[in-house]
């Protein structure tokens, strides 16, 4: 389950932020997870609780924000929102799409002490 590895990276990022920004406790983490990021949110929540034990984020709330997917439509010559990677263009119905957003996972903000 790669969600555990994502949580380990998140823990490292939180520890580095604590060193550079001088805080000692994280009480809430808001993550933006793109719809096409391939992240299983429930597995991420489980991994977060396990990996954060004994860290400055132990017991912190994890808020996961669902970021929409986007793709460039060759028919419309524009970026369009997509619910699923293989959906047709919601504007023209075209199927020549190049996904260009929704694969990211980023820390939006932290609540710290």
C-alpha atoms as a PDB file:
ATOM      1  CA  UNK A   1       0.000   0.000   0.000  1.00  0.00           C
ATOM      2  CA  UNK A   2       1.769   3.142  -1.204  1.00  0.00           C
ATOM      3  CA  UNK A   3      -0.355   5.307   1.105  1.00  0.00           C
ATOM      4  CA  UNK A   4       1.968   4.333   3.968  1.00  0.00           C
ATOM      5  CA  UNK A   5       4.942   5.668   1.991  1.00  0.00           C
ATOM      6  CA  UNK A   6       2.988   8.868   1.301  1.00  0.00           C
ATOM      7  CA  UNK A   7       2.358   9.238   5.035  1.00  0.00           C
ATOM      8  CA  UNK A   8       6.056   8.689   5.795  1.00  0.00           C
ATOM      9  CA  UNK A   9       6.909  11.488   3.346  1.00  0.00           C
ATOM     10  CA  UNK A  10       4.250  13.668   4.932  1.00  0.00           C
ATOM     11  CA  UNK A  11       5.739  13.034   8.380  1.00  0.00           C
ATOM     12  CA  UNK A  12       9.170  14.081   7.107  1.00  0.00           C
ATOM     13  CA  UNK A  13       7.687  17.248   5.584  1.00  0.00           C
ATOM     14  CA  UNK A  14       5.947  18.091   8.873  1.00  0.00           C
ATOM     15  CA  UNK A  15       9.140  17.542  10.865  1.00  0.00           C
ATOM     16  CA  UNK A  16      11.112  19.773   8.478  1.00  0.00           C
ATOM     17  CA  UNK A  17       8.434  22.483   8.656  1.00  0.00           C
ATOM     18  CA  UNK A  18       8.509  22.309  12.466  1.00  0.00           C
ATOM     19  CA  UNK A  19      12.292  22.832  12.443  1.00  0.00           C
ATOM     20  CA  UNK A  20      12.197  25.789  10.078  1.00  0.00           C
ATOM     21  CA  UNK A  21       9.023  27.444  11.397  1.00  0.00           C
ATOM     22  CA  UNK A  22       9.521  26.686  15.091  1.00  0.00           C
ATOM     23  CA  UNK A  23       6.407  24.803  16.153  1.00  0.00           C
ATOM     24  CA  UNK A  24       6.148  21.680  18.277  1.00  0.00           C
ATOM     25  CA  UNK A  25       2.687  20.242  17.686  1.00  0.00           C
ATOM     26  CA  UNK A  26       0.439  19.731  14.645  1.00  0.00           C
ATOM     27  CA  UNK A  27      -3.271  19.517  15.435  1.00  0.00           C
ATOM     28  CA  UNK A  28      -4.691  19.507  11.899  1.00  0.00           C
ATOM     29  CA  UNK A  29      -3.371  18.747   8.425  1.00  0.00           C
ATOM     30  CA  UNK A  30      -5.356  19.660   5.323  1.00  0.00           C
ATOM     31  CA  UNK A  31      -4.275  17.744   2.230  1.00  0.00           C
ATOM     32  CA  UNK A  32      -5.490  18.400  -1.288  1.00  0.00           C
ATOM     33  CA  UNK A  33      -5.600  15.074  -3.137  1.00  0.00           C
ATOM     34  CA  UNK A  34      -6.250  15.095  -6.864  1.00  0.00           C
ATOM     35  CA  UNK A  35      -8.920  12.796  -8.176  1.00  0.00           C
ATOM     36  CA  UNK A  36      -6.392  11.104 -10.477  1.00  0.00           C
ATOM     37  CA  UNK A  37      -3.613  10.798  -7.871  1.00  0.00           C
ATOM     38  CA  UNK A  38      -4.309   7.110  -7.307  1.00  0.00           C
ATOM     39  CA  UNK A  39      -4.654   7.593  -3.550  1.00  0.00           C
ATOM     40  CA  UNK A  40      -7.121   5.481  -1.576  1.00  0.00           C
ATOM     41  CA  UNK A  41      -8.373   7.990   0.988  1.00  0.00           C
ATOM     42  CA  UNK A  42      -9.355   5.455   3.660  1.00  0.00           C
ATOM     43  CA  UNK A  43      -5.959   3.761   3.388  1.00  0.00           C
ATOM     44  CA  UNK A  44      -4.338   7.205   3.631  1.00  0.00           C
ATOM     45  CA  UNK A  45      -6.306   7.951   6.828  1.00  0.00           C
ATOM     46  CA  UNK A  46      -5.270   4.607   8.322  1.00  0.00           C
ATOM     47  CA  UNK A  47      -1.634   5.144   7.345  1.00  0.00           C
ATOM     48  CA  UNK A  48      -1.684   8.670   8.754  1.00  0.00           C
ATOM     49  CA  UNK A  49      -2.813   7.451  12.174  1.00  0.00           C
ATOM     50  CA  UNK A  50      -0.174   4.699  12.212  1.00  0.00           C
ATOM     51  CA  UNK A  51       2.766   6.712  10.881  1.00  0.00           C
ATOM     52  CA  UNK A  52       2.101   9.812  13.016  1.00  0.00           C
ATOM     53  CA  UNK A  53       2.241   7.870  16.316  1.00  0.00           C
ATOM     54  CA  UNK A  54       5.074   9.243  18.414  1.00  0.00           C
ATOM     55  CA  UNK A  55       5.507  12.296  16.168  1.00  0.00           C
ATOM     56  CA  UNK A  56       4.563  15.939  16.526  1.00  0.00           C
ATOM     57  CA  UNK A  57       1.378  15.132  14.561  1.00  0.00           C
ATOM     58  CA  UNK A  58       0.166  12.261  16.740  1.00  0.00           C
ATOM     59  CA  UNK A  59      -3.598  12.660  17.193  1.00  0.00           C
ATOM     60  CA  UNK A  60      -3.837  15.373  14.526  1.00  0.00           C
ATOM     61  CA  UNK A  61      -6.972  15.601  12.416  1.00  0.00           C
ATOM     62  CA  UNK A  62      -6.458  14.761   8.754  1.00  0.00           C
ATOM     63  CA  UNK A  63      -8.740  16.678   6.407  1.00  0.00           C
ATOM     64  CA  UNK A  64      -8.646  15.417   2.811  1.00  0.00           C
ATOM     65  CA  UNK A  65      -9.836  17.830   0.133  1.00  0.00           C
ATOM     66  CA  UNK A  66     -10.926  16.234  -3.140  1.00  0.00           C
ATOM     67  CA  UNK A  67      -9.339  18.159  -6.002  1.00  0.00           C
ATOM     68  CA  UNK A  68     -11.020  17.770  -9.408  1.00  0.00           C
ATOM     69  CA  UNK A  69      -9.335  16.226 -12.385  1.00  0.00           C
ATOM     70  CA  UNK A  70      -8.786  18.267 -15.530  1.00  0.00           C
ATOM     71  CA  UNK A  71      -7.780  17.513 -19.087  1.00  0.00           C
ATOM     72  CA  UNK A  72      -6.998  19.353 -22.295  1.00  0.00           C
ATOM     73  CA  UNK A  73      -9.672  18.632 -24.890  1.00  0.00           C
ATOM     74  CA  UNK A  74      -8.394  18.622 -28.451  1.00  0.00           C
ATOM     75  CA  UNK A  75     -11.951  19.194 -29.733  1.00  0.00           C
ATOM     76  CA  UNK A  76     -12.664  22.272 -27.590  1.00  0.00           C
ATOM     77  CA  UNK A  77      -9.054  23.480 -27.418  1.00  0.00           C
ATOM     78  CA  UNK A  78      -9.563  24.124 -23.724  1.00  0.00           C
ATOM     79  CA  UNK A  79      -9.020  22.621 -20.289  1.00  0.00           C
ATOM     80  CA  UNK A  80     -12.152  20.903 -18.982  1.00  0.00           C
ATOM     81  CA  UNK A  81     -13.058  19.301 -15.645  1.00  0.00           C
ATOM     82  CA  UNK A  82     -13.243  15.511 -15.488  1.00  0.00           C
ATOM     83  CA  UNK A  83     -14.789  13.297 -12.825  1.00  0.00           C
ATOM     84  CA  UNK A  84     -13.034  10.164 -14.136  1.00  0.00           C
ATOM     85  CA  UNK A  85      -9.893   9.828 -16.219  1.00  0.00           C
ATOM     86  CA  UNK A  86     -11.640   8.032 -19.115  1.00  0.00           C
ATOM     87  CA  UNK A  87     -14.745  10.242 -19.280  1.00  0.00           C
ATOM     88  CA  UNK A  88     -15.485  12.065 -22.544  1.00  0.00           C
ATOM     89  CA  UNK A  89     -15.293  15.849 -22.677  1.00  0.00           C
ATOM     90  CA  UNK A  90     -18.227  17.317 -20.738  1.00  0.00           C
ATOM     91  CA  UNK A  91     -18.537  20.157 -23.285  1.00  0.00           C
ATOM     92  CA  UNK A  92     -18.262  18.549 -26.720  1.00  0.00           C
ATOM     93  CA  UNK A  93     -18.376  14.809 -25.952  1.00  0.00           C
ATOM     94  CA  UNK A  94     -14.981  14.342 -27.589  1.00  0.00           C
ATOM     95  CA  UNK A  95     -12.707  11.542 -26.450  1.00  0.00           C
ATOM     96  CA  UNK A  96      -9.326  13.033 -27.387  1.00  0.00           C
ATOM     97  CA  UNK A  97      -8.294  14.302 -23.958  1.00  0.00           C
ATOM     98  CA  UNK A  98      -4.929  14.786 -22.302  1.00  0.00           C
ATOM     99  CA  UNK A  99      -5.145  14.746 -18.472  1.00  0.00           C
ATOM    100  CA  UNK A 100      -3.272  17.750 -17.079  1.00  0.00           C
ATOM    101  CA  UNK A 101      -4.492  18.154 -13.497  1.00  0.00           C
ATOM    102  CA  UNK A 102      -5.723  16.189 -10.544  1.00  0.00           C
ATOM    103  CA  UNK A 103      -2.653  14.001 -10.009  1.00  0.00           C
ATOM    104  CA  UNK A 104      -1.193  16.065  -7.177  1.00  0.00           C
ATOM    105  CA  UNK A 105      -1.194  15.629  -3.425  1.00  0.00           C
ATOM    106  CA  UNK A 106      -0.232  18.801  -1.573  1.00  0.00           C
ATOM    107  CA  UNK A 107      -0.345  20.124   1.954  1.00  0.00           C
ATOM    108  CA  UNK A 108      -2.823  23.009   1.864  1.00  0.00           C
ATOM    109  CA  UNK A 109      -2.289  24.175   5.429  1.00  0.00           C
ATOM    110  CA  UNK A 110      -1.520  23.116   8.976  1.00  0.00           C
ATOM    111  CA  UNK A 111      -2.916  23.992  12.361  1.00  0.00           C
ATOM    112  CA  UNK A 112       0.020  24.076  14.759  1.00  0.00           C
ATOM    113  CA  UNK A 113       0.996  25.006  18.296  1.00  0.00           C
END
